[in-house]
Amino acid sequence: MSHDSERVILARRHVAKGRQIVERQQRLVGNGGGNTAEALKLLALFEVTQNIFEGDLERILREERNG
């Protein structure tokens, strides 16, 4: 397996795990339990992180295509 393929696999894992985290936090916020303000802040942080993960994956895939 090439180094680039390993990078793609890892980036895809980060994206998938990040999606799970964002979805779970969205459900928590939607249920309204606990401190909603803090839950919303945490959700915003998770969403920013997810955007970074997805951007990294796109960049890696682009680099592999242009290799």
N, C-alpha and C. Protein backbone atom coordinates (compact mmCIF):
# COMPACT_ATOMS: atom_id res chain seq x y z
N MET A 1 0.85 -1.18 0.00
CA MET A 1 0.00 0.00 0.00
C MET A 1 0.89 1.24 0.00
N SER A 2 0.58 2.19 -0.86
CA SER A 2 1.41 3.39 -0.95
C SER A 2 1.14 4.33 0.23
N HIS A 3 2.09 5.21 0.45
CA HIS A 3 1.95 6.20 1.52
C HIS A 3 0.71 7.05 1.28
N ASP A 4 0.48 7.45 0.03
CA ASP A 4 -0.68 8.28 -0.28
C ASP A 4 -1.98 7.55 0.00
N SER A 5 -2.03 6.26 -0.31
CA SER A 5 -3.25 5.49 -0.04
C SER A 5 -3.51 5.43 1.46
N GLU A 6 -2.47 5.30 2.25
CA GLU A 6 -2.62 5.29 3.70
C GLU A 6 -3.17 6.63 4.18
N ARG A 7 -2.72 7.72 3.57
CA ARG A 7 -3.21 9.05 3.92
C ARG A 7 -4.70 9.17 3.62
N VAL A 8 -5.12 8.63 2.48
CA VAL A 8 -6.54 8.68 2.10
C VAL A 8 -7.38 7.87 3.08
N ILE A 9 -6.90 6.68 3.42
CA ILE A 9 -7.63 5.83 4.37
C ILE A 9 -7.79 6.53 5.71
N LEU A 10 -6.71 7.12 6.20
CA LEU A 10 -6.76 7.82 7.48
C LEU A 10 -7.69 9.03 7.40
N ALA A 11 -7.61 9.79 6.32
CA ALA A 11 -8.48 10.96 6.17
C ALA A 11 -9.95 10.55 6.10
N ARG A 12 -10.23 9.46 5.39
CA ARG A 12 -11.61 8.97 5.32
C ARG A 12 -12.11 8.54 6.70
N ARG A 13 -11.25 7.92 7.49
CA ARG A 13 -11.64 7.53 8.85
C ARG A 13 -11.96 8.75 9.69
N HIS A 14 -11.12 9.79 9.58
CA HIS A 14 -11.37 11.02 10.33
C HIS A 14 -12.71 11.63 9.94
N VAL A 15 -12.98 11.66 8.65
CA VAL A 15 -14.25 12.22 8.17
C VAL A 15 -15.43 11.41 8.71
N ALA A 16 -15.34 10.10 8.61
CA ALA A 16 -16.43 9.24 9.07
C ALA A 16 -16.66 9.39 10.58
N LYS A 17 -15.58 9.36 11.36
CA LYS A 17 -15.71 9.50 12.80
C LYS A 17 -16.24 10.88 13.16
N GLY A 18 -15.75 11.90 12.46
CA GLY A 18 -16.23 13.26 12.70
C GLY A 18 -17.71 13.40 12.43
N ARG A 19 -18.18 12.77 11.37
CA ARG A 19 -19.62 12.81 11.06
C ARG A 19 -20.43 12.19 12.20
N GLN A 20 -19.94 11.08 12.74
CA GLN A 20 -20.63 10.43 13.86
C GLN A 20 -20.70 11.37 15.07
N ILE A 21 -19.60 12.03 15.34
CA ILE A 21 -19.55 12.94 16.50
C ILE A 21 -20.50 14.11 16.30
N VAL A 22 -20.48 14.70 15.10
CA VAL A 22 -21.36 15.84 14.82
C VAL A 22 -22.82 15.41 14.92
N GLU A 23 -23.15 14.27 14.34
CA GLU A 23 -24.55 13.80 14.38
C GLU A 23 -25.00 13.53 15.82
N ARG A 24 -24.12 12.93 16.63
CA ARG A 24 -24.47 12.66 18.03
C ARG A 24 -24.71 13.97 18.78
N GLN A 25 -23.84 14.96 18.55
CA GLN A 25 -23.99 16.24 19.24
C GLN A 25 -25.25 16.96 18.76
N GLN A 26 -25.57 16.85 17.48
CA GLN A 26 -26.81 17.45 16.97
C GLN A 26 -28.03 16.85 17.66
N ARG A 27 -27.99 15.53 17.87
CA ARG A 27 -29.11 14.87 18.57
C ARG A 27 -29.20 15.37 20.01
N LEU A 28 -28.06 15.50 20.68
CA LEU A 28 -28.06 15.99 22.06
C LEU A 28 -28.63 17.39 22.15
N VAL A 29 -28.22 18.24 21.23
CA VAL A 29 -28.73 19.62 21.21
C VAL A 29 -30.22 19.60 20.91
N GLY A 30 -30.62 18.76 19.97
CA GLY A 30 -32.04 18.68 19.60
C GLY A 30 -32.92 18.19 20.73
N ASN A 31 -32.37 17.34 21.58
CA ASN A 31 -33.15 16.82 22.72
C ASN A 31 -33.29 17.86 23.83
N GLY A 32 -32.44 18.87 23.81
CA GLY A 32 -32.54 19.96 24.76
C GLY A 32 -32.13 19.63 26.18
N GLY A 33 -31.47 18.51 26.37
CA GLY A 33 -31.06 18.13 27.71
C GLY A 33 -29.78 18.85 28.11
N GLY A 34 -29.62 19.06 29.37
CA GLY A 34 -28.38 19.66 29.88
C GLY A 34 -28.24 21.13 29.54
N ASN A 35 -27.01 21.58 29.50
CA ASN A 35 -26.69 22.97 29.22
C ASN A 35 -26.66 23.19 27.71
N THR A 36 -27.76 23.70 27.18
CA THR A 36 -27.89 23.85 25.73
C THR A 36 -26.87 24.81 25.15
N ALA A 37 -26.56 25.87 25.86
CA ALA A 37 -25.58 26.85 25.35
C ALA A 37 -24.22 26.19 25.17
N GLU A 38 -23.79 25.42 26.16
CA GLU A 38 -22.51 24.73 26.05
C GLU A 38 -22.55 23.66 24.97
N ALA A 39 -23.68 22.97 24.87
CA ALA A 39 -23.82 21.93 23.84
C ALA A 39 -23.74 22.55 22.44
N LEU A 40 -24.31 23.73 22.27
CA LEU A 40 -24.24 24.42 20.98
C LEU A 40 -22.82 24.86 20.67
N LYS A 41 -22.10 25.34 21.67
CA LYS A 41 -20.69 25.73 21.46
C LYS A 41 -19.87 24.52 21.04
N LEU A 42 -20.10 23.41 21.71
CA LEU A 42 -19.37 22.19 21.39
C LEU A 42 -19.73 21.71 19.99
N LEU A 43 -21.00 21.79 19.64
CA LEU A 43 -21.42 21.41 18.28
C LEU A 43 -20.73 22.28 17.25
N ALA A 44 -20.66 23.57 17.48
CA ALA A 44 -19.99 24.47 16.54
C ALA A 44 -18.52 24.08 16.38
N LEU A 45 -17.86 23.74 17.47
CA LEU A 45 -16.47 23.31 17.42
C LEU A 45 -16.33 22.02 16.62
N PHE A 46 -17.22 21.06 16.87
CA PHE A 46 -17.19 19.80 16.11
C PHE A 46 -17.41 20.05 14.62
N GLU A 47 -18.31 20.97 14.29
CA GLU A 47 -18.58 21.27 12.88
C GLU A 47 -17.37 21.90 12.20
N VAL A 48 -16.69 22.78 12.89
CA VAL A 48 -15.48 23.39 12.33
C VAL A 48 -14.42 22.31 12.11
N THR A 49 -14.26 21.45 13.09
CA THR A 49 -13.28 20.36 12.96
C THR A 49 -13.65 19.45 11.80
N GLN A 50 -14.94 19.15 11.66
CA GLN A 50 -15.39 18.30 10.56
C GLN A 50 -15.09 18.95 9.22
N ASN A 51 -15.29 20.24 9.11
CA ASN A 51 -14.97 20.94 7.86
C ASN A 51 -13.48 20.83 7.54
N ILE A 52 -12.64 20.89 8.57
CA ILE A 52 -11.20 20.73 8.37
C ILE A 52 -10.89 19.32 7.87
N PHE A 53 -11.49 18.31 8.50
CA PHE A 53 -11.28 16.92 8.07
C PHE A 53 -11.69 16.73 6.62
N GLU A 54 -12.86 17.25 6.26
CA GLU A 54 -13.36 17.09 4.89
C GLU A 54 -12.48 17.84 3.89
N GLY A 55 -12.02 19.02 4.28
CA GLY A 55 -11.12 19.77 3.41
C GLY A 55 -9.79 19.04 3.21
N ASP A 56 -9.28 18.46 4.27
CA ASP A 56 -8.03 17.68 4.17
C ASP A 56 -8.22 16.50 3.23
N LEU A 57 -9.34 15.80 3.36
CA LEU A 57 -9.59 14.66 2.48
C LEU A 57 -9.67 15.11 1.02
N GLU A 58 -10.37 16.18 0.76
CA GLU A 58 -10.46 16.71 -0.61
C GLU A 58 -9.08 17.06 -1.15
N ARG A 59 -8.27 17.70 -0.33
CA ARG A 59 -6.91 18.09 -0.75
C ARG A 59 -6.07 16.86 -1.06
N ILE A 60 -6.13 15.86 -0.19
CA ILE A 60 -5.36 14.64 -0.40
C ILE A 60 -5.79 13.93 -1.68
N LEU A 61 -7.09 13.84 -1.90
CA LEU A 61 -7.58 13.19 -3.11
C LEU A 61 -7.16 13.96 -4.36
N ARG A 62 -7.20 15.28 -4.27
CA ARG A 62 -6.77 16.11 -5.39
C ARG A 62 -5.29 15.90 -5.68
N GLU A 63 -4.47 15.85 -4.63
CA GLU A 63 -3.03 15.61 -4.80
C GLU A 63 -2.78 14.26 -5.43
N GLU A 64 -3.53 13.24 -5.04
CA GLU A 64 -3.34 11.91 -5.63
C GLU A 64 -3.72 11.90 -7.10
N ARG A 65 -4.80 12.60 -7.44
CA ARG A 65 -5.22 12.66 -8.86
C ARG A 65 -4.18 13.38 -9.71
N ASN A 66 -3.60 14.44 -9.16
CA ASN A 66 -2.64 15.25 -9.90
C ASN A 66 -1.22 14.73 -9.80
N GLY A 67 -1.04 13.74 -8.89
CA GLY A 67 0.19 13.09 -8.54
C GLY A 67 1.38 13.35 -9.30
